[in-house]
């Protein structure tokens, strides 16, 4: 069976799950792990493991935004120093 045909046959539309085709359990597990990763189910479980106050989550978001902004400005400065 071609890989594309196998991919289409393993997908169960509208839900998280896979069909095992030709007894190939390892391929079905790989596809299932991809589906779980794409839906971010595991990440949500880890994030909701402990309660975080809204003020703490906002502070983390602001710190992350500041970090990303600083890195972006540093990269732009390095670009201009190469040409000058």
Protein backbone atom coordinates (compact mmCIF):
# COMPACT_ATOMS: atom_id res chain seq x y z
CA UNK A 1 0.00 0.00 0.00
CA UNK A 2 1.30 3.45 -0.90
CA UNK A 3 2.19 5.83 1.92
CA UNK A 4 -0.47 8.37 0.95
CA UNK A 5 -3.16 5.68 0.81
CA UNK A 6 -2.02 4.40 4.21
CA UNK A 7 -2.17 7.91 5.69
CA UNK A 8 -5.71 8.45 4.43
CA UNK A 9 -6.85 5.04 5.62
CA UNK A 10 -5.50 5.51 9.15
CA UNK A 11 -7.18 8.87 9.79
CA UNK A 12 -10.54 8.81 11.56
CA UNK A 13 -12.37 12.01 10.56
CA UNK A 14 -13.71 14.22 13.31
CA UNK A 15 -11.88 12.62 16.22
CA UNK A 16 -8.46 11.91 17.66
CA UNK A 17 -7.67 8.34 16.74
CA UNK A 18 -6.27 6.11 14.03
CA UNK A 19 -7.09 2.83 12.33
CA UNK A 20 -4.43 0.10 12.25
CA UNK A 21 -3.89 -0.96 8.63
CA UNK A 22 -2.30 -4.32 7.76
CA UNK A 23 -1.28 -4.87 11.38
CA UNK A 24 1.27 -2.03 11.20
CA UNK A 25 1.01 -0.84 14.79
CA UNK A 26 4.20 1.24 14.74
CA UNK A 27 2.89 3.39 11.85
CA UNK A 28 -0.45 3.82 13.61
CA UNK A 29 1.32 4.92 16.81
CA UNK A 30 3.39 7.49 14.90
CA UNK A 31 0.25 8.94 13.32
CA UNK A 32 -1.54 9.00 16.67
CA UNK A 33 1.36 10.86 18.31
CA UNK A 34 1.31 13.42 15.50
CA UNK A 35 -2.41 13.98 16.03
CA UNK A 36 -1.97 14.42 19.77
CA UNK A 37 0.90 16.87 19.23
CA UNK A 38 -1.11 18.91 16.71
CA UNK A 39 -4.12 19.24 19.01
CA UNK A 40 -1.90 20.32 21.95
CA UNK A 41 -3.82 18.09 24.39
CA UNK A 42 -0.72 17.12 26.36
CA UNK A 43 0.51 20.73 26.53
CA UNK A 44 -2.86 21.85 27.94
CA UNK A 45 -2.68 19.12 30.59
CA UNK A 46 0.74 20.33 31.71
CA UNK A 47 -0.38 23.96 31.72
CA UNK A 48 -3.47 23.20 33.79
CA UNK A 49 -1.65 21.01 36.29
CA UNK A 50 -1.33 23.91 38.74
CA UNK A 51 -3.37 27.07 39.08
CA UNK A 52 -1.61 30.23 38.04
CA UNK A 53 -2.99 33.60 38.96
CA UNK A 54 -3.98 35.85 36.05
CA UNK A 55 -1.44 38.47 37.13
CA UNK A 56 1.37 35.89 36.97
CA UNK A 57 0.35 34.69 33.51
CA UNK A 58 0.17 38.30 32.25
CA UNK A 59 3.61 39.00 33.70
CA UNK A 60 5.04 35.93 31.94
CA UNK A 61 3.49 37.02 28.65
CA UNK A 62 4.96 40.53 29.02
CA UNK A 63 8.40 39.16 29.91
CA UNK A 64 8.28 36.88 26.88
CA UNK A 65 7.23 39.78 24.62
CA UNK A 66 10.08 41.94 25.97
CA UNK A 67 12.57 39.12 25.37
CA UNK A 68 11.38 38.58 21.80
CA UNK A 69 11.41 42.32 21.07
CA UNK A 70 14.95 42.65 22.42
CA UNK A 71 16.18 39.75 20.29
CA UNK A 72 14.53 41.23 17.22
CA UNK A 73 16.15 44.63 17.76
CA UNK A 74 19.54 42.98 18.40
CA UNK A 75 19.32 41.08 15.12
CA UNK A 76 18.47 44.29 13.24
CA UNK A 77 21.43 46.08 14.83
CA UNK A 78 23.74 43.26 13.78
CA UNK A 79 22.44 43.47 10.21
CA UNK A 80 23.23 47.17 9.99
CA UNK A 81 26.68 46.82 11.52
CA UNK A 82 27.64 44.31 8.82
CA UNK A 83 26.96 46.79 6.05
CA UNK A 84 28.56 49.84 7.69
